[in-house]
Amino acid sequence: MTRPARGRPPQTDRRAQILSSARDVLADRGYAQSSLKQIADHAGIAQGLLTYYYPTKDALLVDVVSDIDEDVCNRWTSAAAEVADPLERIAAGFDAAVEDCLAQPELLRLMLDLLVVGATNDAVRQRARELLDKLINTIADEVDRVSATLPAQPVFDRSEFDLPAAIAGAFDGIFLHSAVREADPMPAFHALKTMLLSFAANAVNA
């Protein structure tokens, strides 16, 4: 088995170190005001080594947000995994995801930067689309699991009624709006959860 050179962290550790530093710098300064040199300095490595792993700031931004989103999705599915009742399952997963996001306020700025950069930068748009599609598909899997337990078992044609995309868009939108408005996001999240539970309750009582 090949061992890493003495004094040099394995590649997985180095990537984790870089992503952690990028998360700190991008969240603190914002995408536009951050540089690869600042991220390299924060990580305590040479800029050339950073660009070996991440040639552009765009790639760093996408991977940083991807890691955070994956953690939030895993928390959602883990919290709901052992819950059988469909309404309780929705509430458990939703509450866990909201709690996770509130505990990571830097996610707001990073997500906003990703959406803005992805809308205007061709190099980022494809990666950002893949990230958002992955998030929506994770929600779709959970929607399918809940739907399978409902008496009416609603079937959604996502070309006409894309509930997972609506949930993802509403979730991100609430956080972004609350950041701009400097408002508490919880009332809006309570409303969104109530709408989801009402939708599922209608299927339960159908």
N, C-alpha and C. Protein backbone atom coordinates (compact mmCIF):
# COMPACT_ATOMS: atom_id res chain seq x y z
N MET A 1 0.85 -1.20 0.00
CA MET A 1 0.00 0.00 0.00
C MET A 1 0.88 1.24 0.00
N THR A 2 0.58 2.18 -0.88
CA THR A 2 1.37 3.40 -0.96
C THR A 2 1.05 4.32 0.20
N ARG A 3 2.08 4.82 0.87
CA ARG A 3 1.89 5.73 1.98
C ARG A 3 2.17 7.16 1.52
N PRO A 4 1.44 8.12 2.07
CA PRO A 4 1.73 9.52 1.72
C PRO A 4 3.11 9.92 2.21
N ALA A 5 3.72 10.88 1.53
CA ALA A 5 5.05 11.34 1.94
C ALA A 5 5.00 11.87 3.36
N ARG A 6 6.09 11.67 4.11
CA ARG A 6 6.15 12.12 5.48
C ARG A 6 5.91 13.64 5.55
N GLY A 7 5.03 14.00 6.48
CA GLY A 7 4.74 15.42 6.68
C GLY A 7 3.72 15.98 5.72
N ARG A 8 3.23 15.17 4.78
CA ARG A 8 2.23 15.66 3.82
C ARG A 8 0.92 14.91 4.06
N PRO A 9 -0.15 15.62 4.36
CA PRO A 9 -1.43 14.96 4.63
C PRO A 9 -1.92 14.22 3.40
N PRO A 10 -2.70 13.12 3.59
CA PRO A 10 -3.32 12.45 2.44
C PRO A 10 -4.19 13.43 1.66
N GLN A 11 -4.46 13.10 0.40
CA GLN A 11 -5.23 14.02 -0.44
C GLN A 11 -6.60 14.33 0.15
N THR A 12 -7.26 13.30 0.74
CA THR A 12 -8.58 13.54 1.31
C THR A 12 -8.51 14.55 2.44
N ASP A 13 -7.45 14.45 3.27
CA ASP A 13 -7.28 15.41 4.36
C ASP A 13 -6.98 16.81 3.82
N ARG A 14 -6.17 16.88 2.79
CA ARG A 14 -5.82 18.17 2.21
C ARG A 14 -7.05 18.84 1.61
N ARG A 15 -7.86 18.07 0.90
CA ARG A 15 -9.09 18.63 0.34
C ARG A 15 -10.01 19.12 1.45
N ALA A 16 -10.13 18.35 2.51
CA ALA A 16 -10.98 18.76 3.63
C ALA A 16 -10.46 20.04 4.26
N GLN A 17 -9.13 20.15 4.38
CA GLN A 17 -8.51 21.35 4.94
C GLN A 17 -8.81 22.57 4.06
N ILE A 18 -8.68 22.39 2.75
CA ILE A 18 -8.93 23.50 1.82
C ILE A 18 -10.40 23.91 1.86
N LEU A 19 -11.31 22.92 1.84
CA LEU A 19 -12.74 23.24 1.84
C LEU A 19 -13.16 23.93 3.13
N SER A 20 -12.57 23.51 4.24
CA SER A 20 -12.88 24.16 5.51
C SER A 20 -12.44 25.62 5.50
N SER A 21 -11.25 25.88 4.99
CA SER A 21 -10.76 27.26 4.91
C SER A 21 -11.57 28.07 3.91
N ALA A 22 -11.92 27.47 2.78
CA ALA A 22 -12.73 28.18 1.79
C ALA A 22 -14.10 28.53 2.36
N ARG A 23 -14.65 27.63 3.12
CA ARG A 23 -15.96 27.91 3.75
C ARG A 23 -15.85 29.12 4.67
N ASP A 24 -14.80 29.19 5.46
CA ASP A 24 -14.62 30.32 6.38
C ASP A 24 -14.45 31.63 5.62
N VAL A 25 -13.57 31.62 4.62
CA VAL A 25 -13.24 32.86 3.90
C VAL A 25 -14.42 33.32 3.06
N LEU A 26 -15.04 32.39 2.31
CA LEU A 26 -16.15 32.78 1.43
C LEU A 26 -17.35 33.26 2.23
N ALA A 27 -17.60 32.62 3.37
CA ALA A 27 -18.73 33.04 4.21
C ALA A 27 -18.47 34.39 4.85
N ASP A 28 -17.22 34.65 5.21
CA ASP A 28 -16.89 35.90 5.89
C ASP A 28 -16.82 37.07 4.92
N ARG A 29 -16.19 36.86 3.77
CA ARG A 29 -15.93 37.96 2.83
C ARG A 29 -16.92 38.02 1.66
N GLY A 30 -17.55 36.89 1.38
CA GLY A 30 -18.38 36.82 0.18
C GLY A 30 -17.54 36.41 -1.02
N TYR A 31 -18.20 35.83 -2.01
CA TYR A 31 -17.49 35.30 -3.18
C TYR A 31 -16.70 36.39 -3.90
N ALA A 32 -17.33 37.52 -4.14
CA ALA A 32 -16.69 38.57 -4.96
C ALA A 32 -15.45 39.14 -4.30
N GLN A 33 -15.43 39.20 -2.96
CA GLN A 33 -14.33 39.83 -2.24
C GLN A 33 -13.28 38.83 -1.76
N SER A 34 -13.44 37.56 -2.11
CA SER A 34 -12.48 36.54 -1.69
C SER A 34 -11.54 36.18 -2.83
N SER A 35 -10.35 35.72 -2.46
CA SER A 35 -9.37 35.32 -3.47
C SER A 35 -8.79 33.96 -3.09
N LEU A 36 -8.22 33.30 -4.08
CA LEU A 36 -7.56 32.02 -3.80
C LEU A 36 -6.39 32.22 -2.84
N LYS A 37 -5.70 33.35 -2.94
CA LYS A 37 -4.58 33.61 -2.04
C LYS A 37 -5.07 33.71 -0.59
N GLN A 38 -6.19 34.39 -0.38
CA GLN A 38 -6.73 34.50 0.97
C GLN A 38 -7.11 33.13 1.53
N ILE A 39 -7.67 32.30 0.68
CA ILE A 39 -8.06 30.96 1.12
C ILE A 39 -6.82 30.12 1.41
N ALA A 40 -5.81 30.23 0.56
CA ALA A 40 -4.56 29.49 0.79
C ALA A 40 -3.89 29.96 2.08
N ASP A 41 -3.86 31.26 2.31
CA ASP A 41 -3.26 31.79 3.54
C ASP A 41 -4.02 31.28 4.77
N HIS A 42 -5.34 31.26 4.68
CA HIS A 42 -6.15 30.78 5.80
C HIS A 42 -5.87 29.30 6.08
N ALA A 43 -5.65 28.53 4.99
CA ALA A 43 -5.37 27.10 5.13
C ALA A 43 -3.92 26.83 5.54
N GLY A 44 -3.07 27.86 5.44
CA GLY A 44 -1.66 27.68 5.78
C GLY A 44 -0.89 26.90 4.74
N ILE A 45 -1.28 27.05 3.47
CA ILE A 45 -0.59 26.34 2.40
C ILE A 45 -0.24 27.33 1.29
N ALA A 46 0.62 26.90 0.38
CA ALA A 46 0.98 27.75 -0.76
C ALA A 46 -0.18 27.81 -1.74
N GLN A 47 -0.33 28.95 -2.40
CA GLN A 47 -1.42 29.10 -3.35
C GLN A 47 -1.30 28.08 -4.48
N GLY A 48 -0.07 27.76 -4.87
CA GLY A 48 0.13 26.77 -5.93
C GLY A 48 -0.43 25.41 -5.56
N LEU A 49 -0.30 25.04 -4.28
CA LEU A 49 -0.84 23.76 -3.83
C LEU A 49 -2.36 23.80 -3.85
N LEU A 50 -2.94 24.93 -3.46
CA LEU A 50 -4.40 25.04 -3.48
C LEU A 50 -4.91 24.89 -4.91
N THR A 51 -4.26 25.58 -5.87
CA THR A 51 -4.74 25.53 -7.24
C THR A 51 -4.50 24.16 -7.89
N TYR A 52 -3.62 23.34 -7.29
CA TYR A 52 -3.45 21.96 -7.76
C TYR A 52 -4.75 21.19 -7.54
N TYR A 53 -5.39 21.44 -6.41
CA TYR A 53 -6.65 20.78 -6.10
C TYR A 53 -7.85 21.53 -6.69
N TYR A 54 -7.79 22.85 -6.61
CA TYR A 54 -8.91 23.69 -7.07
C TYR A 54 -8.35 24.84 -7.90
N PRO A 55 -8.34 24.68 -9.22
CA PRO A 55 -7.77 25.73 -10.09
C PRO A 55 -8.55 27.04 -10.04
N THR A 56 -9.84 26.99 -9.69
CA THR A 56 -10.65 28.20 -9.71
C THR A 56 -11.43 28.35 -8.41
N LYS A 57 -11.80 29.57 -8.11
CA LYS A 57 -12.64 29.86 -6.95
C LYS A 57 -14.04 29.32 -7.15
N ASP A 58 -14.47 29.26 -8.42
CA ASP A 58 -15.80 28.74 -8.73
C ASP A 58 -15.95 27.30 -8.23
N ALA A 59 -14.96 26.47 -8.53
CA ALA A 59 -15.02 25.07 -8.13
C ALA A 59 -15.06 24.93 -6.62
N LEU A 60 -14.34 25.77 -5.94
CA LEU A 60 -14.35 25.75 -4.47
C LEU A 60 -15.73 26.08 -3.93
N LEU A 61 -16.35 27.11 -4.48
CA LEU A 61 -17.67 27.53 -4.00
C LEU A 61 -18.67 26.39 -4.15
N VAL A 62 -18.68 25.74 -5.30
CA VAL A 62 -19.64 24.66 -5.53
C VAL A 62 -19.40 23.51 -4.55
N ASP A 63 -18.15 23.12 -4.34
CA ASP A 63 -17.87 21.99 -3.45
C ASP A 63 -18.17 22.34 -1.99
N VAL A 64 -17.92 23.57 -1.59
CA VAL A 64 -18.24 23.98 -0.22
C VAL A 64 -19.74 23.88 0.02
N VAL A 65 -20.54 24.44 -0.89
CA VAL A 65 -22.00 24.39 -0.73
C VAL A 65 -22.49 22.94 -0.85
N SER A 66 -21.87 22.16 -1.73
CA SER A 66 -22.27 20.77 -1.89
C SER A 66 -22.09 19.99 -0.60
N ASP A 67 -20.98 20.19 0.09
CA ASP A 67 -20.73 19.50 1.35
C ASP A 67 -21.77 19.87 2.40
N ILE A 68 -22.09 21.16 2.49
CA ILE A 68 -23.07 21.60 3.49
C ILE A 68 -24.45 21.06 3.15
N ASP A 69 -24.83 21.13 1.88
CA ASP A 69 -26.15 20.63 1.47
C ASP A 69 -26.27 19.13 1.73
N GLU A 70 -25.20 18.39 1.49
CA GLU A 70 -25.23 16.95 1.73
C GLU A 70 -25.45 16.65 3.21
N ASP A 71 -24.79 17.43 4.07
CA ASP A 71 -24.98 17.25 5.51
C ASP A 71 -26.44 17.51 5.90
N VAL A 72 -27.02 18.58 5.34
CA VAL A 72 -28.41 18.92 5.67
C VAL A 72 -29.36 17.83 5.19
N CYS A 73 -29.14 17.33 3.97
CA CYS A 73 -30.00 16.27 3.42
C CYS A 73 -29.88 14.99 4.25
N ASN A 74 -28.66 14.66 4.66
CA ASN A 74 -28.45 13.46 5.47
C ASN A 74 -29.14 13.59 6.82
N ARG A 75 -29.10 14.81 7.37
CA ARG A 75 -29.77 15.04 8.65
C ARG A 75 -31.28 14.88 8.49
N TRP A 76 -31.82 15.40 7.40
CA TRP A 76 -33.26 15.29 7.12
C TRP A 76 -33.66 13.81 7.06
N THR A 77 -32.97 13.03 6.22
CA THR A 77 -33.35 11.64 6.02
C THR A 77 -33.10 10.80 7.27
N SER A 78 -32.02 11.09 8.00
CA SER A 78 -31.72 10.33 9.22
C SER A 78 -32.78 10.58 10.29
N ALA A 79 -33.21 11.84 10.43
CA ALA A 79 -34.20 12.18 11.44
C ALA A 79 -35.53 11.51 11.15
N ALA A 80 -35.84 11.31 9.87
CA ALA A 80 -37.13 10.73 9.49
C ALA A 80 -37.08 9.21 9.34
N ALA A 81 -35.90 8.64 9.35
CA ALA A 81 -35.73 7.23 8.97
C ALA A 81 -36.54 6.27 9.83
N GLU A 82 -36.62 6.51 11.13
CA GLU A 82 -37.28 5.56 12.03
C GLU A 82 -38.73 5.94 12.33
N VAL A 83 -39.27 6.93 11.63
CA VAL A 83 -40.62 7.40 11.90
C VAL A 83 -41.58 6.79 10.88
N ALA A 84 -42.58 6.09 11.37
CA ALA A 84 -43.51 5.40 10.47
C ALA A 84 -44.67 6.29 10.04
N ASP A 85 -45.23 7.05 10.96
CA ASP A 85 -46.37 7.89 10.63
C ASP A 85 -45.96 8.95 9.61
N PRO A 86 -46.69 9.07 8.49
CA PRO A 86 -46.25 9.98 7.43
C PRO A 86 -46.19 11.44 7.86
N LEU A 87 -47.16 11.90 8.65
CA LEU A 87 -47.16 13.29 9.07
C LEU A 87 -46.02 13.56 10.05
N GLU A 88 -45.79 12.62 10.97
CA GLU A 88 -44.68 12.78 11.91
C GLU A 88 -43.34 12.70 11.19
N ARG A 89 -43.29 11.89 10.14
CA ARG A 89 -42.04 11.77 9.37
C ARG A 89 -41.71 13.09 8.68
N ILE A 90 -42.73 13.70 8.08
CA ILE A 90 -42.51 15.00 7.43
C ILE A 90 -42.01 16.02 8.44
N ALA A 91 -42.68 16.08 9.60
CA ALA A 91 -42.32 17.07 10.62
C ALA A 91 -40.91 16.82 11.14
N ALA A 92 -40.55 15.56 11.38
CA ALA A 92 -39.23 15.24 11.93
C ALA A 92 -38.12 15.62 10.97
N GLY A 93 -38.26 15.27 9.70
CA GLY A 93 -37.24 15.60 8.72
C GLY A 93 -37.13 17.09 8.47
N PHE A 94 -38.28 17.73 8.36
CA PHE A 94 -38.31 19.17 8.12
C PHE A 94 -37.65 19.93 9.27
N ASP A 95 -38.04 19.60 10.49
CA ASP A 95 -37.49 20.30 11.66
C ASP A 95 -35.98 20.10 11.77
N ALA A 96 -35.51 18.89 11.45
CA ALA A 96 -34.07 18.62 11.53
C ALA A 96 -33.30 19.44 10.51
N ALA A 97 -33.84 19.56 9.29
CA ALA A 97 -33.17 20.34 8.25
C ALA A 97 -33.13 21.82 8.60
N VAL A 98 -34.24 22.34 9.14
CA VAL A 98 -34.28 23.75 9.53
C VAL A 98 -33.28 24.01 10.66
N GLU A 99 -33.26 23.12 11.64
CA GLU A 99 -32.33 23.28 12.76
C GLU A 99 -30.89 23.27 12.29
N ASP A 100 -30.59 22.38 11.34
CA ASP A 100 -29.23 22.29 10.80
C ASP A 100 -28.84 23.58 10.10
N CYS A 101 -29.75 24.12 9.30
CA CYS A 101 -29.45 25.35 8.56
C CYS A 101 -29.30 26.54 9.50
N LEU A 102 -30.13 26.61 10.52
CA LEU A 102 -30.03 27.71 11.47
C LEU A 102 -28.71 27.66 12.23
N ALA A 103 -28.18 26.46 12.41
CA ALA A 103 -26.91 26.30 13.12
C ALA A 103 -25.72 26.66 12.23
N GLN A 104 -25.98 26.85 10.92
CA GLN A 104 -24.91 27.17 9.97
C GLN A 104 -25.29 28.44 9.19
N PRO A 105 -25.29 29.59 9.83
CA PRO A 105 -25.73 30.81 9.13
C PRO A 105 -24.88 31.15 7.92
N GLU A 106 -23.65 30.63 7.88
CA GLU A 106 -22.81 30.91 6.72
C GLU A 106 -23.39 30.30 5.44
N LEU A 107 -24.26 29.28 5.61
CA LEU A 107 -24.86 28.65 4.45
C LEU A 107 -25.67 29.64 3.63
N LEU A 108 -26.27 30.61 4.29
CA LEU A 108 -27.09 31.61 3.60
C LEU A 108 -26.27 32.37 2.57
N ARG A 109 -25.14 32.90 3.02
CA ARG A 109 -24.32 33.71 2.12
C ARG A 109 -23.73 32.84 1.01
N LEU A 110 -23.30 31.65 1.36
CA LEU A 110 -22.70 30.77 0.36
C LEU A 110 -23.73 30.36 -0.69
N MET A 111 -24.94 30.03 -0.27
CA MET A 111 -25.98 29.64 -1.21
C MET A 111 -26.37 30.81 -2.11
N LEU A 112 -26.49 32.00 -1.53
CA LEU A 112 -26.82 33.17 -2.34
C LEU A 112 -25.74 33.41 -3.39
N ASP A 113 -24.47 33.32 -2.97
CA ASP A 113 -23.38 33.50 -3.93
C ASP A 113 -23.44 32.46 -5.04
N LEU A 114 -23.73 31.21 -4.66
CA LEU A 114 -23.79 30.14 -5.66
C LEU A 114 -24.89 30.41 -6.68
N LEU A 115 -26.07 30.83 -6.21
CA LEU A 115 -27.18 31.09 -7.12
C LEU A 115 -26.87 32.26 -8.05
N VAL A 116 -26.28 33.33 -7.50
CA VAL A 116 -25.96 34.50 -8.30
C VAL A 116 -24.87 34.16 -9.33
N VAL A 117 -23.80 33.51 -8.86
CA VAL A 117 -22.70 33.17 -9.76
C VAL A 117 -23.18 32.15 -10.80
N GLY A 118 -23.98 31.18 -10.36
CA GLY A 118 -24.47 30.17 -11.28
C GLY A 118 -25.37 30.73 -12.37
N ALA A 119 -26.06 31.82 -12.05
CA ALA A 119 -26.96 32.43 -13.03
C ALA A 119 -26.22 33.26 -14.06
N THR A 120 -24.99 33.65 -13.75
CA THR A 120 -24.27 34.58 -14.63
C THR A 120 -22.95 34.02 -15.16
N ASN A 121 -22.53 32.86 -14.65
CA ASN A 121 -21.22 32.32 -15.01
C ASN A 121 -21.41 30.92 -15.59
N ASP A 122 -21.09 30.77 -16.87
CA ASP A 122 -21.29 29.48 -17.54
C ASP A 122 -20.46 28.37 -16.91
N ALA A 123 -19.29 28.72 -16.38
CA ALA A 123 -18.42 27.71 -15.79
C ALA A 123 -19.02 27.12 -14.53
N VAL A 124 -19.84 27.90 -13.84
CA VAL A 124 -20.43 27.46 -12.59
C VAL A 124 -21.83 26.87 -12.81
N ARG A 125 -22.51 27.33 -13.85
CA ARG A 125 -23.92 26.97 -14.01
C ARG A 125 -24.14 25.48 -14.04
N GLN A 126 -23.32 24.73 -14.78
CA GLN A 126 -23.52 23.29 -14.90
C GLN A 126 -23.32 22.60 -13.55
N ARG A 127 -22.26 22.97 -12.85
CA ARG A 127 -22.02 22.37 -11.53
C ARG A 127 -23.13 22.74 -10.55
N ALA A 128 -23.57 23.99 -10.60
CA ALA A 128 -24.64 24.43 -9.70
C ALA A 128 -25.93 23.69 -10.03
N ARG A 129 -26.21 23.49 -11.31
CA ARG A 129 -27.41 22.76 -11.71
C ARG A 129 -27.35 21.32 -11.19
N GLU A 130 -26.19 20.69 -11.31
CA GLU A 130 -26.04 19.32 -10.81
C GLU A 130 -26.27 19.25 -9.31
N LEU A 131 -25.76 20.24 -8.59
CA LEU A 131 -25.93 20.28 -7.14
C LEU A 131 -27.40 20.45 -6.79
N LEU A 132 -28.09 21.39 -7.45
CA LEU A 132 -29.50 21.63 -7.16
C LEU A 132 -30.35 20.42 -7.55
N ASP A 133 -30.03 19.78 -8.68
CA ASP A 133 -30.76 18.59 -9.09
C ASP A 133 -30.59 17.46 -8.07
N LYS A 134 -29.39 17.33 -7.53
CA LYS A 134 -29.15 16.29 -6.53
C LYS A 134 -29.98 16.55 -5.27
N LEU A 135 -30.03 17.81 -4.86
CA LEU A 135 -30.83 18.18 -3.69
C LEU A 135 -32.31 17.89 -3.94
N ILE A 136 -32.80 18.29 -5.10
CA ILE A 136 -34.22 18.07 -5.43
C ILE A 136 -34.53 16.58 -5.51
N ASN A 137 -33.61 15.78 -6.06
CA ASN A 137 -33.84 14.34 -6.16
C ASN A 137 -33.84 13.68 -4.79
N THR A 138 -33.03 14.20 -3.86
CA THR A 138 -33.05 13.69 -2.49
C THR A 138 -34.41 13.94 -1.85
N ILE A 139 -34.93 15.15 -2.06
CA ILE A 139 -36.26 15.47 -1.54
C ILE A 139 -37.31 14.61 -2.23
N ALA A 140 -37.14 14.38 -3.53
CA ALA A 140 -38.10 13.55 -4.28
C ALA A 140 -38.15 12.14 -3.72
N ASP A 141 -37.00 11.60 -3.35
CA ASP A 141 -36.97 10.26 -2.74
C ASP A 141 -37.77 10.23 -1.45
N GLU A 142 -37.62 11.28 -0.64
CA GLU A 142 -38.37 11.34 0.61
C GLU A 142 -39.86 11.52 0.34
N VAL A 143 -40.22 12.35 -0.63
CA VAL A 143 -41.64 12.53 -1.01
C VAL A 143 -42.23 11.19 -1.44
N ASP A 144 -41.48 10.42 -2.22
CA ASP A 144 -41.96 9.11 -2.67
C ASP A 144 -42.16 8.16 -1.50
N ARG A 145 -41.22 8.18 -0.54
CA ARG A 145 -41.35 7.30 0.62
C ARG A 145 -42.60 7.65 1.44
N VAL A 146 -42.83 8.95 1.64
CA VAL A 146 -44.01 9.36 2.39
C VAL A 146 -45.28 9.03 1.60
N SER A 147 -45.27 9.30 0.31
CA SER A 147 -46.46 9.06 -0.52
C SER A 147 -46.85 7.58 -0.51
N ALA A 148 -45.84 6.70 -0.45
CA ALA A 148 -46.12 5.27 -0.47
C ALA A 148 -46.87 4.80 0.77
N THR A 149 -46.79 5.57 1.86
CA THR A 149 -47.47 5.19 3.10
C THR A 149 -48.85 5.81 3.22
N LEU A 150 -49.22 6.70 2.29
CA LEU A 150 -50.50 7.37 2.37
C LEU A 150 -51.60 6.52 1.75
N PRO A 151 -52.79 6.51 2.32
CA PRO A 151 -53.88 5.69 1.76
C PRO A 151 -54.16 5.99 0.31
N ALA A 152 -54.16 7.27 -0.06
CA ALA A 152 -54.45 7.64 -1.44
C ALA A 152 -53.27 7.40 -2.37
N GLN A 153 -52.05 7.31 -1.79
CA GLN A 153 -50.82 7.12 -2.56
C GLN A 153 -50.80 8.00 -3.82
N PRO A 154 -50.72 9.32 -3.62
CA PRO A 154 -50.71 10.22 -4.79
C PRO A 154 -49.47 10.00 -5.66
N VAL A 155 -49.66 10.07 -6.94
CA VAL A 155 -48.55 9.94 -7.90
C VAL A 155 -48.38 11.30 -8.59
N PHE A 156 -47.14 11.81 -8.56
CA PHE A 156 -46.89 13.14 -9.11
C PHE A 156 -46.16 13.03 -10.44
N ASP A 157 -46.68 13.71 -11.44
CA ASP A 157 -45.96 13.88 -12.70
C ASP A 157 -45.14 15.15 -12.55
N ARG A 158 -43.82 14.99 -12.35
CA ARG A 158 -42.98 16.14 -12.02
C ARG A 158 -42.83 17.11 -13.18
N SER A 159 -43.26 16.71 -14.38
CA SER A 159 -43.23 17.67 -15.49
C SER A 159 -44.35 18.68 -15.36
N GLU A 160 -45.37 18.35 -14.55
CA GLU A 160 -46.50 19.25 -14.37
C GLU A 160 -46.69 19.70 -12.92
N PHE A 161 -46.21 18.89 -11.98
CA PHE A 161 -46.42 19.18 -10.56
C PHE A 161 -45.16 18.76 -9.81
N ASP A 162 -44.16 19.63 -9.77
CA ASP A 162 -42.86 19.27 -9.20
C ASP A 162 -42.80 19.70 -7.74
N LEU A 163 -43.38 18.89 -6.87
CA LEU A 163 -43.40 19.20 -5.44
C LEU A 163 -41.99 19.27 -4.85
N PRO A 164 -41.08 18.34 -5.16
CA PRO A 164 -39.72 18.42 -4.59
C PRO A 164 -39.01 19.73 -4.95
N ALA A 165 -39.13 20.19 -6.20
CA ALA A 165 -38.50 21.45 -6.60
C ALA A 165 -39.13 22.62 -5.86
N ALA A 166 -40.44 22.55 -5.63
CA ALA A 166 -41.12 23.62 -4.90
C ALA A 166 -40.64 23.67 -3.46
N ILE A 167 -40.46 22.51 -2.85
CA ILE A 167 -39.98 22.47 -1.46
C ILE A 167 -38.57 23.04 -1.38
N ALA A 168 -37.68 22.59 -2.28
CA ALA A 168 -36.30 23.07 -2.27
C ALA A 168 -36.24 24.57 -2.50
N GLY A 169 -37.02 25.06 -3.47
CA GLY A 169 -37.03 26.49 -3.75
C GLY A 169 -37.57 27.30 -2.60
N ALA A 170 -38.63 26.81 -1.97
CA ALA A 170 -39.21 27.53 -0.82
C ALA A 170 -38.25 27.52 0.35
N PHE A 171 -37.60 26.40 0.57
CA PHE A 171 -36.66 26.27 1.70
C PHE A 171 -35.52 27.28 1.56
N ASP A 172 -34.87 27.27 0.39
CA ASP A 172 -33.77 28.21 0.16
C ASP A 172 -34.27 29.65 0.17
N GLY A 173 -35.42 29.87 -0.46
CA GLY A 173 -35.95 31.22 -0.56
C GLY A 173 -36.25 31.85 0.79
N ILE A 174 -36.77 31.04 1.72
CA ILE A 174 -37.06 31.57 3.05
C ILE A 174 -35.79 32.05 3.73
N PHE A 175 -34.74 31.25 3.64
CA PHE A 175 -33.47 31.65 4.26
C PHE A 175 -32.90 32.90 3.60
N LEU A 176 -32.93 32.94 2.29
CA LEU A 176 -32.35 34.08 1.58
C LEU A 176 -33.15 35.36 1.85
N HIS A 177 -34.47 35.26 1.81
CA HIS A 177 -35.30 36.44 2.09
C HIS A 177 -35.09 36.94 3.51
N SER A 178 -34.99 36.01 4.45
CA SER A 178 -34.83 36.41 5.85
C SER A 178 -33.47 37.08 6.06
N ALA A 179 -32.45 36.63 5.30
CA ALA A 179 -31.14 37.25 5.43
C ALA A 179 -31.16 38.68 4.91
N VAL A 180 -31.80 38.89 3.76
CA VAL A 180 -31.87 40.23 3.18
C VAL A 180 -32.73 41.14 4.04
N ARG A 181 -33.85 40.61 4.54
CA ARG A 181 -34.78 41.41 5.33
C ARG A 181 -34.36 41.52 6.79
N GLU A 182 -33.32 40.76 7.17
CA GLU A 182 -32.89 40.69 8.56
C GLU A 182 -34.06 40.34 9.47
N ALA A 183 -34.78 39.30 9.04
CA ALA A 183 -35.98 38.87 9.74
C ALA A 183 -35.82 37.44 10.23
N ASP A 184 -36.59 37.07 11.23
CA ASP A 184 -36.61 35.71 11.76
C ASP A 184 -37.26 34.79 10.72
N PRO A 185 -36.56 33.74 10.27
CA PRO A 185 -37.15 32.87 9.25
C PRO A 185 -38.19 31.89 9.78
N MET A 186 -38.27 31.72 11.10
CA MET A 186 -39.10 30.66 11.66
C MET A 186 -40.59 30.80 11.34
N PRO A 187 -41.20 31.99 11.39
CA PRO A 187 -42.62 32.07 11.02
C PRO A 187 -42.89 31.55 9.61
N ALA A 188 -42.01 31.87 8.67
CA ALA A 188 -42.20 31.38 7.29
C ALA A 188 -42.00 29.87 7.23
N PHE A 189 -41.04 29.35 7.99
CA PHE A 189 -40.85 27.89 8.02
C PHE A 189 -42.03 27.19 8.66
N HIS A 190 -42.60 27.78 9.69
CA HIS A 190 -43.80 27.19 10.30
C HIS A 190 -44.93 27.13 9.27
N ALA A 191 -45.06 28.19 8.47
CA ALA A 191 -46.10 28.21 7.45
C ALA A 191 -45.86 27.15 6.38
N LEU A 192 -44.59 27.01 5.94
CA LEU A 192 -44.27 26.02 4.92
C LEU A 192 -44.52 24.60 5.44
N LYS A 193 -44.12 24.33 6.68
CA LYS A 193 -44.34 23.00 7.24
C LYS A 193 -45.84 22.72 7.37
N THR A 194 -46.61 23.72 7.78
CA THR A 194 -48.05 23.54 7.91
C THR A 194 -48.68 23.21 6.56
N MET A 195 -48.24 23.88 5.51
CA MET A 195 -48.77 23.60 4.17
C MET A 195 -48.43 22.18 3.74
N LEU A 196 -47.20 21.72 4.00
CA LEU A 196 -46.81 20.36 3.64
C LEU A 196 -47.62 19.33 4.42
N LEU A 197 -47.79 19.58 5.72
CA LEU A 197 -48.56 18.66 6.55
C LEU A 197 -50.03 18.64 6.13
N SER A 198 -50.57 19.80 5.76
CA SER A 198 -51.96 19.87 5.32
C SER A 198 -52.14 19.09 4.01
N PHE A 199 -51.15 19.22 3.12
CA PHE A 199 -51.21 18.51 1.86
C PHE A 199 -51.22 17.00 2.11
N ALA A 200 -50.33 16.55 3.00
CA ALA A 200 -50.27 15.12 3.30
C ALA A 200 -51.51 14.66 4.05
N ALA A 201 -52.02 15.51 4.95
CA ALA A 201 -53.22 15.14 5.72
C ALA A 201 -54.41 14.93 4.80
N ASN A 202 -54.52 15.71 3.74
CA ASN A 202 -55.61 15.54 2.79
C ASN A 202 -55.55 14.17 2.14
N ALA A 203 -54.32 13.71 1.86
CA ALA A 203 -54.15 12.37 1.27
C ALA A 203 -54.48 11.28 2.30
N VAL A 204 -54.12 11.53 3.56
CA VAL A 204 -54.42 10.56 4.61
C VAL A 204 -55.92 10.39 4.76
N ASN A 205 -56.66 11.48 4.66
CA ASN A 205 -58.11 11.46 4.89
C ASN A 205 -58.92 11.21 3.62
N ALA A 206 -58.19 11.04 2.50
CA ALA A 206 -58.91 10.84 1.24
C ALA A 206 -59.66 9.50 1.22
